[in-house]
Structures are given as structure tokens and as C-alpha cells.
Amino acid sequence: MGTRVLIVDDAAFMRMMLKDILTKNGFEVVGEAENGKMAVQMYSELKPDVVTMDITMPEMDGLAAVKEIKQQDPNAKVVMVSAMGQQAMVIEAIRAGAADFIVKPFQPDRVLEALSKALS
């Protein structure tokens, strides 16, 4: 069984791209959430090994979701996914407990590198 991943992004296309990269590389995508609120709920149900978390989403953004997930599970591994030019948010995400971040549009190698870093 591969590493279990929860993908969180409000864009279905982005979730599909990430899922494609991950499944081709032996990861098991156990869930997909389209906002932070769903992510927090799914995290506690699915207990994934790692989460990819978009920053800008409706209902609850990625930063708030990371904080809630880290309260539930201080050992949670979260990799932030952000669009270009969100440096301040990325820094805030790392402070909130994110292990690494990837920038959209992402390169498959960078995605895999960020996940391995988060898991190591």
C-alpha cells in the first residue's frame, strides 16, 4: 500500500492533475476536498499520511485548515499548494505547520520532492 494522500483544492482540474502525478508514482489518493472545512473533516476520518493543501479556497482557506488539522494532529504532514506571488501566505503556512510548499503550475518532480520532504 502506498503513501496515503488527501488532496485539497477548490479547482477540480488541479485535484485531477495532482491525483494523476501521485497515482503514477505509487501514492494512494484516499480523498479529495474542495475547501478547508471539508479537508479538516476528511483528515480526521481518513487519517492520510500527507495532505496537499491549496491556500485560496471558499468556506475555509488553506491556512485556517492547516491550523485546525495541526490542532487535531500535531504530527500532520501538510504540503501547501499556492499560485505564484503568494510568498507572504506561504511563510504564514510554514509557520502554521506546513512542511513544504509547491507553486502552481507545478512540475511533477517538485510535487514528489515536496511530499518526500514532508514525509521524511
PDB file of N, CA and C in Angstrom:
ATOM      1  N   MET A   1       0.837  -1.194   0.000  1.00  0.00           N
ATOM      2  CA  MET A   1       0.000   0.000   0.000  1.00  0.00           C
ATOM      3  C   MET A   1       0.880   1.254   0.000  1.00  0.00           C
ATOM      4  N   GLY A   2       0.566   2.173  -0.876  1.00  0.00           N
ATOM      5  CA  GLY A   2       1.375   3.391  -0.998  1.00  0.00           C
ATOM      6  C   GLY A   2       1.072   4.395   0.091  1.00  0.00           C
ATOM      7  N   THR A   3       1.776   5.494   0.041  1.00  0.00           N
ATOM      8  CA  THR A   3       1.550   6.598   0.966  1.00  0.00           C
ATOM      9  C   THR A   3       0.164   7.175   0.696  1.00  0.00           C
ATOM     10  N   ARG A   4      -0.610   7.373   1.763  1.00  0.00           N
ATOM     11  CA  ARG A   4      -1.992   7.848   1.623  1.00  0.00           C
ATOM     12  C   ARG A   4      -2.041   9.366   1.617  1.00  0.00           C
ATOM     13  N   VAL A   5      -2.662   9.925   0.570  1.00  0.00           N
ATOM     14  CA  VAL A   5      -2.695  11.376   0.382  1.00  0.00           C
ATOM     15  C   VAL A   5      -4.123  11.906   0.318  1.00  0.00           C
ATOM     16  N   LEU A   6      -4.330  13.062   0.953  1.00  0.00           N
ATOM     17  CA  LEU A   6      -5.593  13.795   0.833  1.00  0.00           C
ATOM     18  C   LEU A   6      -5.266  15.040   0.019  1.00  0.00           C
ATOM     19  N   ILE A   7      -5.968  15.223  -1.099  1.00  0.00           N
ATOM     20  CA  ILE A   7      -5.745  16.380  -1.966  1.00  0.00           C
ATOM     21  C   ILE A   7      -6.825  17.424  -1.686  1.00  0.00           C
ATOM     22  N   VAL A   8      -6.392  18.649  -1.412  1.00  0.00           N
ATOM     23  CA  VAL A   8      -7.354  19.718  -1.115  1.00  0.00           C
ATOM     24  C   VAL A   8      -7.129  20.892  -2.071  1.00  0.00           C
ATOM     25  N   ASP A   9      -8.123  21.154  -2.915  1.00  0.00           N
ATOM     26  CA  ASP A   9      -8.056  22.276  -3.857  1.00  0.00           C
ATOM     27  C   ASP A   9      -9.468  22.541  -4.333  1.00  0.00           C
ATOM     28  N   ASP A  10      -9.840  23.815  -4.450  1.00  0.00           N
ATOM     29  CA  ASP A  10     -11.198  24.113  -4.899  1.00  0.00           C
ATOM     30  C   ASP A  10     -11.354  23.884  -6.401  1.00  0.00           C
ATOM     31  N   ALA A  11     -10.249  23.766  -7.130  1.00  0.00           N
ATOM     32  CA  ALA A  11     -10.319  23.537  -8.575  1.00  0.00           C
ATOM     33  C   ALA A  11     -10.217  22.044  -8.875  1.00  0.00           C
ATOM     34  N   ALA A  12     -11.283  21.490  -9.446  1.00  0.00           N
ATOM     35  CA  ALA A  12     -11.312  20.063  -9.774  1.00  0.00           C
ATOM     36  C   ALA A  12     -10.158  19.688 -10.700  1.00  0.00           C
ATOM     37  N   PHE A  13      -9.824  20.591 -11.626  1.00  0.00           N
ATOM     38  CA  PHE A  13      -8.740  20.356 -12.571  1.00  0.00           C
ATOM     39  C   PHE A  13      -7.404  20.174 -11.844  1.00  0.00           C
ATOM     40  N   MET A  14      -7.155  21.001 -10.840  1.00  0.00           N
ATOM     41  CA  MET A  14      -5.911  20.899 -10.062  1.00  0.00           C
ATOM     42  C   MET A  14      -5.877  19.596  -9.271  1.00  0.00           C
ATOM     43  N   ARG A  15      -7.016  19.225  -8.689  1.00  0.00           N
ATOM     44  CA  ARG A  15      -7.069  17.963  -7.944  1.00  0.00           C
ATOM     45  C   ARG A  15      -6.764  16.807  -8.886  1.00  0.00           C
ATOM     46  N   MET A  16      -7.330  16.868 -10.094  1.00  0.00           N
ATOM     47  CA  MET A  16      -7.118  15.817 -11.078  1.00  0.00           C
ATOM     48  C   MET A  16      -5.644  15.735 -11.480  1.00  0.00           C
ATOM     49  N   MET A  17      -5.013  16.890 -11.702  1.00  0.00           N
ATOM     50  CA  MET A  17      -3.595  16.905 -12.075  1.00  0.00           C
ATOM     51  C   MET A  17      -2.721  16.314 -10.971  1.00  0.00           C
ATOM     52  N   LEU A  18      -2.979  16.729  -9.740  1.00  0.00           N
ATOM     53  CA  LEU A  18      -2.198  16.210  -8.618  1.00  0.00           C
ATOM     54  C   LEU A  18      -2.419  14.713  -8.455  1.00  0.00           C
ATOM     55  N   LYS A  19      -3.673  14.300  -8.553  1.00  0.00           N
ATOM     56  CA  LYS A  19      -4.001  12.888  -8.396  1.00  0.00           C
ATOM     57  C   LYS A  19      -3.269  12.050  -9.443  1.00  0.00           C
ATOM     58  N   ASP A  20      -3.222  12.563 -10.660  1.00  0.00           N
ATOM     59  CA  ASP A  20      -2.541  11.889 -11.752  1.00  0.00           C
ATOM     60  C   ASP A  20      -1.047  11.724 -11.448  1.00  0.00           C
ATOM     61  N   ILE A  21      -0.399  12.808 -11.038  1.00  0.00           N
ATOM     62  CA  ILE A  21       1.033  12.770 -10.707  1.00  0.00           C
ATOM     63  C   ILE A  21       1.274  11.761  -9.582  1.00  0.00           C
ATOM     64  N   LEU A  22       0.447  11.833  -8.548  1.00  0.00           N
ATOM     65  CA  LEU A  22       0.658  10.999  -7.371  1.00  0.00           C
ATOM     66  C   LEU A  22       0.396   9.519  -7.629  1.00  0.00           C
ATOM     67  N   THR A  23      -0.725   9.201  -8.282  1.00  0.00           N
ATOM     68  CA  THR A  23      -1.037   7.786  -8.507  1.00  0.00           C
ATOM     69  C   THR A  23      -0.019   7.138  -9.439  1.00  0.00           C
ATOM     70  N   LYS A  24       0.494   7.893 -10.401  1.00  0.00           N
ATOM     71  CA  LYS A  24       1.525   7.360 -11.308  1.00  0.00           C
ATOM     72  C   LYS A  24       2.822   7.062 -10.578  1.00  0.00           C
ATOM     73  N   ASN A  25       2.979   7.672  -9.402  1.00  0.00           N
ATOM     74  CA  ASN A  25       4.214   7.496  -8.648  1.00  0.00           C
ATOM     75  C   ASN A  25       4.018   6.693  -7.363  1.00  0.00           C
ATOM     76  N   GLY A  26       2.980   5.874  -7.353  1.00  0.00           N
ATOM     77  CA  GLY A  26       2.798   4.938  -6.253  1.00  0.00           C
ATOM     78  C   GLY A  26       2.101   5.457  -5.005  1.00  0.00           C
ATOM     79  N   PHE A  27       1.570   6.680  -5.059  1.00  0.00           N
ATOM     80  CA  PHE A  27       0.825   7.197  -3.912  1.00  0.00           C
ATOM     81  C   PHE A  27      -0.614   6.739  -4.017  1.00  0.00           C
ATOM     82  N   GLU A  28      -1.297   6.657  -2.886  1.00  0.00           N
ATOM     83  CA  GLU A  28      -2.705   6.298  -2.883  1.00  0.00           C
ATOM     84  C   GLU A  28      -3.502   7.538  -2.473  1.00  0.00           C
ATOM     85  N   VAL A  29      -4.329   8.055  -3.390  1.00  0.00           N
ATOM     86  CA  VAL A  29      -5.133   9.226  -3.065  1.00  0.00           C
ATOM     87  C   VAL A  29      -6.389   8.718  -2.356  1.00  0.00           C
ATOM     88  N   VAL A  30      -6.484   9.000  -1.052  1.00  0.00           N
ATOM     89  CA  VAL A  30      -7.592   8.471  -0.257  1.00  0.00           C
ATOM     90  C   VAL A  30      -8.784   9.409  -0.200  1.00  0.00           C
ATOM     91  N   GLY A  31      -8.570  10.681  -0.607  1.00  0.00           N
ATOM     92  CA  GLY A  31      -9.687  11.608  -0.588  1.00  0.00           C
ATOM     93  C   GLY A  31      -9.349  12.903  -1.287  1.00  0.00           C
ATOM     94  N   GLU A  32     -10.408  13.630  -1.665  1.00  0.00           N
ATOM     95  CA  GLU A  32     -10.259  14.939  -2.286  1.00  0.00           C
ATOM     96  C   GLU A  32     -11.265  15.872  -1.632  1.00  0.00           C
ATOM     97  N   ALA A  33     -10.798  17.053  -1.251  1.00  0.00           N
ATOM     98  CA  ALA A  33     -11.683  18.038  -0.642  1.00  0.00           C
ATOM     99  C   ALA A  33     -11.597  19.322  -1.444  1.00  0.00           C
ATOM    100  N   GLU A  34     -12.729  20.038  -1.530  1.00  0.00           N
ATOM    101  CA  GLU A  34     -12.724  21.271  -2.325  1.00  0.00           C
ATOM    102  C   GLU A  34     -12.668  22.538  -1.488  1.00  0.00           C
ATOM    103  N   ASN A  35     -12.597  22.393  -0.155  1.00  0.00           N
ATOM    104  CA  ASN A  35     -12.378  23.561   0.694  1.00  0.00           C
ATOM    105  C   ASN A  35     -11.787  23.110   2.029  1.00  0.00           C
ATOM    106  N   GLY A  36     -11.324  24.083   2.793  1.00  0.00           N
ATOM    107  CA  GLY A  36     -10.659  23.781   4.047  1.00  0.00           C
ATOM    108  C   GLY A  36     -11.530  23.083   5.075  1.00  0.00           C
ATOM    109  N   LYS A  37     -12.804  23.441   5.080  1.00  0.00           N
ATOM    110  CA  LYS A  37     -13.743  22.842   6.029  1.00  0.00           C
ATOM    111  C   LYS A  37     -13.854  21.333   5.781  1.00  0.00           C
ATOM    112  N   MET A  38     -14.023  20.978   4.495  1.00  0.00           N
ATOM    113  CA  MET A  38     -14.078  19.561   4.116  1.00  0.00           C
ATOM    114  C   MET A  38     -12.761  18.866   4.447  1.00  0.00           C
ATOM    115  N   ALA A  39     -11.655  19.570   4.227  1.00  0.00           N
ATOM    116  CA  ALA A  39     -10.328  18.998   4.466  1.00  0.00           C
ATOM    117  C   ALA A  39     -10.156  18.595   5.925  1.00  0.00           C
ATOM    118  N   VAL A  40     -10.581  19.481   6.842  1.00  0.00           N
ATOM    119  CA  VAL A  40     -10.436  19.206   8.273  1.00  0.00           C
ATOM    120  C   VAL A  40     -11.257  17.977   8.653  1.00  0.00           C
ATOM    121  N   GLN A  41     -12.470  17.925   8.139  1.00  0.00           N
ATOM    122  CA  GLN A  41     -13.375  16.809   8.406  1.00  0.00           C
ATOM    123  C   GLN A  41     -12.801  15.504   7.839  1.00  0.00           C
ATOM    124  N   MET A  42     -12.382  15.554   6.576  1.00  0.00           N
ATOM    125  CA  MET A  42     -11.847  14.359   5.924  1.00  0.00           C
ATOM    126  C   MET A  42     -10.539  13.903   6.557  1.00  0.00           C
ATOM    127  N   TYR A  43      -9.742  14.855   7.038  1.00  0.00           N
ATOM    128  CA  TYR A  43      -8.476  14.484   7.678  1.00  0.00           C
ATOM    129  C   TYR A  43      -8.741  13.589   8.884  1.00  0.00           C
ATOM    130  N   SER A  44      -9.710  13.994   9.709  1.00  0.00           N
ATOM    131  CA  SER A  44      -9.962  13.196  10.911  1.00  0.00           C
ATOM    132  C   SER A  44     -10.569  11.839  10.571  1.00  0.00           C
ATOM    133  N   GLU A  45     -11.325  11.747   9.483  1.00  0.00           N
ATOM    134  CA  GLU A  45     -11.912  10.463   9.085  1.00  0.00           C
ATOM    135  C   GLU A  45     -10.893   9.551   8.411  1.00  0.00           C
ATOM    136  N   LEU A  46     -10.105  10.116   7.494  1.00  0.00           N
ATOM    137  CA  LEU A  46      -9.227   9.303   6.656  1.00  0.00           C
ATOM    138  C   LEU A  46      -7.824   9.080   7.206  1.00  0.00           C
ATOM    139  N   LYS A  47      -7.364   9.956   8.087  1.00  0.00           N
ATOM    140  CA  LYS A  47      -6.010   9.878   8.640  1.00  0.00           C
ATOM    141  C   LYS A  47      -4.962   9.640   7.539  1.00  0.00           C
ATOM    142  N   PRO A  48      -4.876  10.556   6.551  1.00  0.00           N
ATOM    143  CA  PRO A  48      -3.887  10.363   5.485  1.00  0.00           C
ATOM    144  C   PRO A  48      -2.462  10.564   6.011  1.00  0.00           C
ATOM    145  N   ASP A  49      -1.477  10.067   5.263  1.00  0.00           N
ATOM    146  CA  ASP A  49      -0.074  10.246   5.649  1.00  0.00           C
ATOM    147  C   ASP A  49       0.375  11.670   5.357  1.00  0.00           C
ATOM    148  N   VAL A  50      -0.205  12.265   4.310  1.00  0.00           N
ATOM    149  CA  VAL A  50       0.182  13.614   3.915  1.00  0.00           C
ATOM    150  C   VAL A  50      -0.988  14.298   3.206  1.00  0.00           C
ATOM    151  N   VAL A  51      -1.032  15.621   3.304  1.00  0.00           N
ATOM    152  CA  VAL A  51      -2.104  16.408   2.690  1.00  0.00           C
ATOM    153  C   VAL A  51      -1.490  17.455   1.759  1.00  0.00           C
ATOM    154  N   THR A  52      -2.065  17.607   0.554  1.00  0.00           N
ATOM    155  CA  THR A  52      -1.678  18.745  -0.284  1.00  0.00           C
ATOM    156  C   THR A  52      -2.804  19.754  -0.113  1.00  0.00           C
ATOM    157  N   MET A  53      -2.452  20.985   0.274  1.00  0.00           N
ATOM    158  CA  MET A  53      -3.452  21.973   0.659  1.00  0.00           C
ATOM    159  C   MET A  53      -3.321  23.269  -0.148  1.00  0.00           C
ATOM    160  N   ASP A  54      -4.351  23.571  -0.909  1.00  0.00           N
ATOM    161  CA  ASP A  54      -4.396  24.834  -1.633  1.00  0.00           C
ATOM    162  C   ASP A  54      -4.561  25.946  -0.592  1.00  0.00           C
ATOM    163  N   ILE A  55      -4.115  27.154  -0.909  1.00  0.00           N
ATOM    164  CA  ILE A  55      -4.253  28.245   0.060  1.00  0.00           C
ATOM    165  C   ILE A  55      -5.585  28.969  -0.104  1.00  0.00           C
ATOM    166  N   THR A  56      -5.892  29.384  -1.329  1.00  0.00           N
ATOM    167  CA  THR A  56      -7.081  30.190  -1.560  1.00  0.00           C
ATOM    168  C   THR A  56      -8.277  29.317  -1.930  1.00  0.00           C
ATOM    169  N   MET A  57      -9.233  29.202  -1.001  1.00  0.00           N
ATOM    170  CA  MET A  57     -10.425  28.383  -1.226  1.00  0.00           C
ATOM    171  C   MET A  57     -11.624  29.011  -0.529  1.00  0.00           C
ATOM    172  N   PRO A  58     -12.823  28.676  -0.996  1.00  0.00           N
ATOM    173  CA  PRO A  58     -14.032  29.177  -0.328  1.00  0.00           C
ATOM    174  C   PRO A  58     -14.264  28.468   1.017  1.00  0.00           C
ATOM    175  N   GLU A  59     -15.144  28.999   1.810  1.00  0.00           N
ATOM    176  CA  GLU A  59     -15.553  28.473   3.123  1.00  0.00           C
ATOM    177  C   GLU A  59     -14.480  28.528   4.194  1.00  0.00           C
ATOM    178  N   MET A  60     -13.329  27.905   3.930  1.00  0.00           N
ATOM    179  CA  MET A  60     -12.207  27.995   4.872  1.00  0.00           C
ATOM    180  C   MET A  60     -10.943  27.895   4.037  1.00  0.00           C
ATOM    181  N   ASP A  61     -10.053  28.878   4.184  1.00  0.00           N
ATOM    182  CA  ASP A  61      -8.840  28.818   3.358  1.00  0.00           C
ATOM    183  C   ASP A  61      -7.842  27.805   3.910  1.00  0.00           C
ATOM    184  N   GLY A  62      -6.810  27.560   3.121  1.00  0.00           N
ATOM    185  CA  GLY A  62      -5.816  26.550   3.472  1.00  0.00           C
ATOM    186  C   GLY A  62      -5.065  26.837   4.762  1.00  0.00           C
ATOM    187  N   LEU A  63      -4.817  28.122   5.045  1.00  0.00           N
ATOM    188  CA  LEU A  63      -4.090  28.458   6.271  1.00  0.00           C
ATOM    189  C   LEU A  63      -4.902  28.078   7.505  1.00  0.00           C
ATOM    190  N   ALA A  64      -6.171  28.436   7.504  1.00  0.00           N
ATOM    191  CA  ALA A  64      -7.035  28.102   8.641  1.00  0.00           C
ATOM    192  C   ALA A  64      -7.157  26.586   8.780  1.00  0.00           C
ATOM    193  N   ALA A  65      -7.253  25.899   7.641  1.00  0.00           N
ATOM    194  CA  ALA A  65      -7.378  24.437   7.655  1.00  0.00           C
ATOM    195  C   ALA A  65      -6.125  23.776   8.221  1.00  0.00           C
ATOM    196  N   VAL A  66      -4.948  24.271   7.835  1.00  0.00           N
ATOM    197  CA  VAL A  66      -3.696  23.706   8.365  1.00  0.00           C
ATOM    198  C   VAL A  66      -3.662  23.862   9.877  1.00  0.00           C
ATOM    199  N   LYS A  67      -4.041  25.042  10.361  1.00  0.00           N
ATOM    200  CA  LYS A  67      -4.032  25.284  11.803  1.00  0.00           C
ATOM    201  C   LYS A  67      -4.959  24.303  12.519  1.00  0.00           C
ATOM    202  N   GLU A  68      -6.151  24.085  11.955  1.00  0.00           N
ATOM    203  CA  GLU A  68      -7.098  23.154  12.599  1.00  0.00           C
ATOM    204  C   GLU A  68      -6.608  21.718  12.546  1.00  0.00           C
ATOM    205  N   ILE A  69      -6.042  21.328  11.413  1.00  0.00           N
ATOM    206  CA  ILE A  69      -5.530  19.959  11.281  1.00  0.00           C
ATOM    207  C   ILE A  69      -4.373  19.738  12.261  1.00  0.00           C
ATOM    208  N   LYS A  70      -3.493  20.730  12.397  1.00  0.00           N
ATOM    209  CA  LYS A  70      -2.357  20.607  13.309  1.00  0.00           C
ATOM    210  C   LYS A  70      -2.818  20.561  14.768  1.00  0.00           C
ATOM    211  N   GLN A  71      -3.969  21.187  15.068  1.00  0.00           N
ATOM    212  CA  GLN A  71      -4.506  21.106  16.434  1.00  0.00           C
ATOM    213  C   GLN A  71      -4.995  19.686  16.696  1.00  0.00           C
ATOM    214  N   GLN A  72      -5.655  19.098  15.699  1.00  0.00           N
ATOM    215  CA  GLN A  72      -6.145  17.711  15.795  1.00  0.00           C
ATOM    216  C   GLN A  72      -4.991  16.743  15.903  1.00  0.00           C
ATOM    217  N   ASP A  73      -3.971  16.963  15.066  1.00  0.00           N
ATOM    218  CA  ASP A  73      -2.849  16.048  14.959  1.00  0.00           C
ATOM    219  C   ASP A  73      -1.559  16.845  14.753  1.00  0.00           C
ATOM    220  N   PRO A  74      -0.834  17.088  15.856  1.00  0.00           N
ATOM    221  CA  PRO A  74       0.399  17.883  15.760  1.00  0.00           C
ATOM    222  C   PRO A  74       1.419  17.294  14.781  1.00  0.00           C
ATOM    223  N   ASN A  75       1.306  15.997  14.479  1.00  0.00           N
ATOM    224  CA  ASN A  75       2.247  15.355  13.561  1.00  0.00           C
ATOM    225  C   ASN A  75       1.769  15.332  12.116  1.00  0.00           C
ATOM    226  N   ALA A  76       0.670  15.999  11.845  1.00  0.00           N
ATOM    227  CA  ALA A  76       0.138  16.009  10.476  1.00  0.00           C
ATOM    228  C   ALA A  76       1.176  16.560   9.507  1.00  0.00           C
ATOM    229  N   LYS A  77       1.249  15.947   8.324  1.00  0.00           N
ATOM    230  CA  LYS A  77       2.181  16.391   7.279  1.00  0.00           C
ATOM    231  C   LYS A  77       1.358  17.098   6.202  1.00  0.00           C
ATOM    232  N   VAL A  78       1.608  18.399   6.030  1.00  0.00           N
ATOM    233  CA  VAL A  78       0.854  19.172   5.053  1.00  0.00           C
ATOM    234  C   VAL A  78       1.805  19.894   4.109  1.00  0.00           C
ATOM    235  N   VAL A  79       1.537  19.772   2.801  1.00  0.00           N
ATOM    236  CA  VAL A  79       2.304  20.499   1.799  1.00  0.00           C
ATOM    237  C   VAL A  79       1.354  21.520   1.182  1.00  0.00           C
ATOM    238  N   MET A  80       1.717  22.793   1.256  1.00  0.00           N
ATOM    239  CA  MET A  80       0.864  23.846   0.709  1.00  0.00           C
ATOM    240  C   MET A  80       1.031  23.946  -0.808  1.00  0.00           C
ATOM    241  N   VAL A  81      -0.059  24.290  -1.466  1.00  0.00           N
ATOM    242  CA  VAL A  81      -0.043  24.492  -2.909  1.00  0.00           C
ATOM    243  C   VAL A  81      -0.498  25.925  -3.126  1.00  0.00           C
ATOM    244  N   SER A  82       0.344  26.738  -3.791  1.00  0.00           N
ATOM    245  CA  SER A  82      -0.055  28.124  -3.973  1.00  0.00           C
ATOM    246  C   SER A  82       0.223  28.601  -5.383  1.00  0.00           C
ATOM    247  N   ALA A  83      -0.510  29.607  -5.763  1.00  0.00           N
ATOM    248  CA  ALA A  83      -0.267  30.238  -7.053  1.00  0.00           C
ATOM    249  C   ALA A  83       0.948  31.149  -6.892  1.00  0.00           C
ATOM    250  N   MET A  84       1.493  31.601  -7.983  1.00  0.00           N
ATOM    251  CA  MET A  84       2.648  32.491  -7.936  1.00  0.00           C
ATOM    252  C   MET A  84       2.335  33.741  -7.108  1.00  0.00           C
ATOM    253  N   GLY A  85       3.370  34.290  -6.470  1.00  0.00           N
ATOM    254  CA  GLY A  85       3.224  35.568  -5.800  1.00  0.00           C
ATOM    255  C   GLY A  85       2.483  35.534  -4.480  1.00  0.00           C
ATOM    256  N   GLN A  86       2.413  34.369  -3.839  1.00  0.00           N
ATOM    257  CA  GLN A  86       1.757  34.319  -2.528  1.00  0.00           C
ATOM    258  C   GLN A  86       2.793  34.056  -1.430  1.00  0.00           C
ATOM    259  N   GLN A  87       3.973  34.641  -1.598  1.00  0.00           N
ATOM    260  CA  GLN A  87       5.073  34.377  -0.662  1.00  0.00           C
ATOM    261  C   GLN A  87       4.696  34.596   0.796  1.00  0.00           C
ATOM    262  N   ALA A  88       4.018  35.704   1.090  1.00  0.00           N
ATOM    263  CA  ALA A  88       3.664  36.002   2.477  1.00  0.00           C
ATOM    264  C   ALA A  88       2.781  34.901   3.047  1.00  0.00           C
ATOM    265  N   MET A  89       1.850  34.417   2.234  1.00  0.00           N
ATOM    266  CA  MET A  89       0.952  33.352   2.687  1.00  0.00           C
ATOM    267  C   MET A  89       1.713  32.049   2.884  1.00  0.00           C
ATOM    268  N   VAL A  90       2.676  31.802   2.008  1.00  0.00           N
ATOM    269  CA  VAL A  90       3.469  30.582   2.128  1.00  0.00           C
ATOM    270  C   VAL A  90       4.251  30.601   3.440  1.00  0.00           C
ATOM    271  N   ILE A  91       4.850  31.745   3.763  1.00  0.00           N
ATOM    272  CA  ILE A  91       5.599  31.885   5.018  1.00  0.00           C
ATOM    273  C   ILE A  91       4.660  31.647   6.202  1.00  0.00           C
ATOM    274  N   GLU A  92       3.478  32.228   6.117  1.00  0.00           N
ATOM    275  CA  GLU A  92       2.488  32.039   7.184  1.00  0.00           C
ATOM    276  C   GLU A  92       2.099  30.562   7.301  1.00  0.00           C
ATOM    277  N   ALA A  93       1.969  29.896   6.167  1.00  0.00           N
ATOM    278  CA  ALA A  93       1.611  28.472   6.154  1.00  0.00           C
ATOM    279  C   ALA A  93       2.700  27.630   6.822  1.00  0.00           C
ATOM    280  N   ILE A  94       3.947  27.941   6.521  1.00  0.00           N
ATOM    281  CA  ILE A  94       5.064  27.208   7.125  1.00  0.00           C
ATOM    282  C   ILE A  94       5.059  27.440   8.643  1.00  0.00           C
ATOM    283  N   ARG A  95       4.785  28.684   9.050  1.00  0.00           N
ATOM    284  CA  ARG A  95       4.686  28.976  10.488  1.00  0.00           C
ATOM    285  C   ARG A  95       3.539  28.195  11.120  1.00  0.00           C
ATOM    286  N   ALA A  96       2.460  28.023  10.357  1.00  0.00           N
ATOM    287  CA  ALA A  96       1.284  27.306  10.874  1.00  0.00           C
ATOM    288  C   ALA A  96       1.544  25.805  10.952  1.00  0.00           C
ATOM    289  N   GLY A  97       2.638  25.369  10.339  1.00  0.00           N
ATOM    290  CA  GLY A  97       2.989  23.960  10.458  1.00  0.00           C
ATOM    291  C   GLY A  97       3.107  23.203   9.148  1.00  0.00           C
ATOM    292  N   ALA A  98       2.976  23.877   8.009  1.00  0.00           N
ATOM    293  CA  ALA A  98       3.135  23.182   6.732  1.00  0.00           C
ATOM    294  C   ALA A  98       4.593  22.752   6.579  1.00  0.00           C
ATOM    295  N   ALA A  99       4.812  21.587   5.975  1.00  0.00           N
ATOM    296  CA  ALA A  99       6.158  21.043   5.841  1.00  0.00           C
ATOM    297  C   ALA A  99       6.894  21.640   4.652  1.00  0.00           C
ATOM    298  N   ASP A 100       6.161  21.989   3.599  1.00  0.00           N
ATOM    299  CA  ASP A 100       6.782  22.487   2.379  1.00  0.00           C
ATOM    300  C   ASP A 100       5.675  23.108   1.540  1.00  0.00           C
ATOM    301  N   PHE A 101       6.039  23.634   0.384  1.00  0.00           N
ATOM    302  CA  PHE A 101       5.014  24.175  -0.499  1.00  0.00           C
ATOM    303  C   PHE A 101       5.406  23.961  -1.948  1.00  0.00           C
ATOM    304  N   ILE A 102       4.408  23.875  -2.801  1.00  0.00           N
ATOM    305  CA  ILE A 102       4.633  23.776  -4.238  1.00  0.00           C
ATOM    306  C   ILE A 102       3.852  24.904  -4.892  1.00  0.00           C
ATOM    307  N   VAL A 103       4.411  25.420  -5.969  1.00  0.00           N
ATOM    308  CA  VAL A 103       3.805  26.550  -6.655  1.00  0.00           C
ATOM    309  C   VAL A 103       3.148  26.080  -7.947  1.00  0.00           C
ATOM    310  N   LYS A 104       1.923  26.569  -8.169  1.00  0.00           N
ATOM    311  CA  LYS A 104       1.218  26.273  -9.424  1.00  0.00           C
ATOM    312  C   LYS A 104       1.757  27.190 -10.502  1.00  0.00           C
ATOM    313  N   PRO A 105       1.841  26.791 -11.736  1.00  0.00           N
ATOM    314  CA  PRO A 105       1.585  25.417 -12.209  1.00  0.00           C
ATOM    315  C   PRO A 105       2.739  24.533 -11.762  1.00  0.00           C
ATOM    316  N   PHE A 106       2.429  23.337 -11.259  1.00  0.00           N
ATOM    317  CA  PHE A 106       3.515  22.542 -10.686  1.00  0.00           C
ATOM    318  C   PHE A 106       4.158  21.569 -11.656  1.00  0.00           C
ATOM    319  N   GLN A 107       5.421  21.308 -11.337  1.00  0.00           N
ATOM    320  CA  GLN A 107       6.206  20.311 -12.056  1.00  0.00           C
ATOM    321  C   GLN A 107       6.078  19.019 -11.254  1.00  0.00           C
ATOM    322  N   PRO A 108       5.813  17.910 -11.925  1.00  0.00           N
ATOM    323  CA  PRO A 108       5.690  16.631 -11.206  1.00  0.00           C
ATOM    324  C   PRO A 108       6.854  16.351 -10.254  1.00  0.00           C
ATOM    325  N   ASP A 109       8.091  16.628 -10.690  1.00  0.00           N
ATOM    326  CA  ASP A 109       9.255  16.369  -9.841  1.00  0.00           C
ATOM    327  C   ASP A 109       9.201  17.159  -8.547  1.00  0.00           C
ATOM    328  N   ARG A 110       8.754  18.405  -8.648  1.00  0.00           N
ATOM    329  CA  ARG A 110       8.685  19.275  -7.475  1.00  0.00           C
ATOM    330  C   ARG A 110       7.612  18.777  -6.498  1.00  0.00           C
ATOM    331  N   VAL A 111       6.509  18.296  -7.043  1.00  0.00           N
ATOM    332  CA  VAL A 111       5.422  17.755  -6.209  1.00  0.00           C
ATOM    333  C   VAL A 111       5.964  16.566  -5.404  1.00  0.00           C
ATOM    334  N   LEU A 112       6.631  15.659  -6.103  1.00  0.00           N
ATOM    335  CA  LEU A 112       7.162  14.452  -5.454  1.00  0.00           C
ATOM    336  C   LEU A 112       8.234  14.800  -4.432  1.00  0.00           C
ATOM    337  N   GLU A 113       9.060  15.774  -4.766  1.00  0.00           N
ATOM    338  CA  GLU A 113      10.121  16.205  -3.846  1.00  0.00           C
ATOM    339  C   GLU A 113       9.513  16.782  -2.568  1.00  0.00           C
ATOM    340  N   ALA A 114       8.485  17.624  -2.718  1.00  0.00           N
ATOM    341  CA  ALA A 114       7.843  18.246  -1.548  1.00  0.00           C
ATOM    342  C   ALA A 114       7.193  17.196  -0.654  1.00  0.00           C
ATOM    343  N   LEU A 115       6.549  16.202  -1.273  1.00  0.00           N
ATOM    344  CA  LEU A 115       5.906  15.155  -0.483  1.00  0.00           C
ATOM    345  C   LEU A 115       6.936  14.295   0.239  1.00  0.00           C
ATOM    346  N   SER A 116       8.040  13.948  -0.445  1.00  0.00           N
ATOM    347  CA  SER A 116       9.065  13.145   0.234  1.00  0.00           C
ATOM    348  C   SER A 116       9.662  13.926   1.391  1.00  0.00           C
ATOM    349  N   LYS A 117       9.858  15.232   1.174  1.00  0.00           N
ATOM    350  CA  LYS A 117      10.428  16.069   2.241  1.00  0.00           C
ATOM    351  C   LYS A 117       9.474  16.084   3.447  1.00  0.00           C
ATOM    352  N   ALA A 118       8.179  16.230   3.168  1.00  0.00           N
ATOM    353  CA  ALA A 118       7.192  16.276   4.251  1.00  0.00           C
ATOM    354  C   ALA A 118       7.160  14.958   5.021  1.00  0.00           C
ATOM    355  N   LEU A 119       7.341  13.858   4.296  1.00  0.00           N
ATOM    356  CA  LEU A 119       7.242  12.539   4.916  1.00  0.00           C
ATOM    357  C   LEU A 119       8.512  12.077   5.611  1.00  0.00           C
ATOM    358  N   SER A 120       9.645  12.722   5.289  1.00  0.00           N
ATOM    359  CA  SER A 120      10.903  12.240   5.864  1.00  0.00           C
ATOM    360  C   SER A 120      11.094  12.711   7.303  1.00  0.00           C
TER     361      SER A 120
END
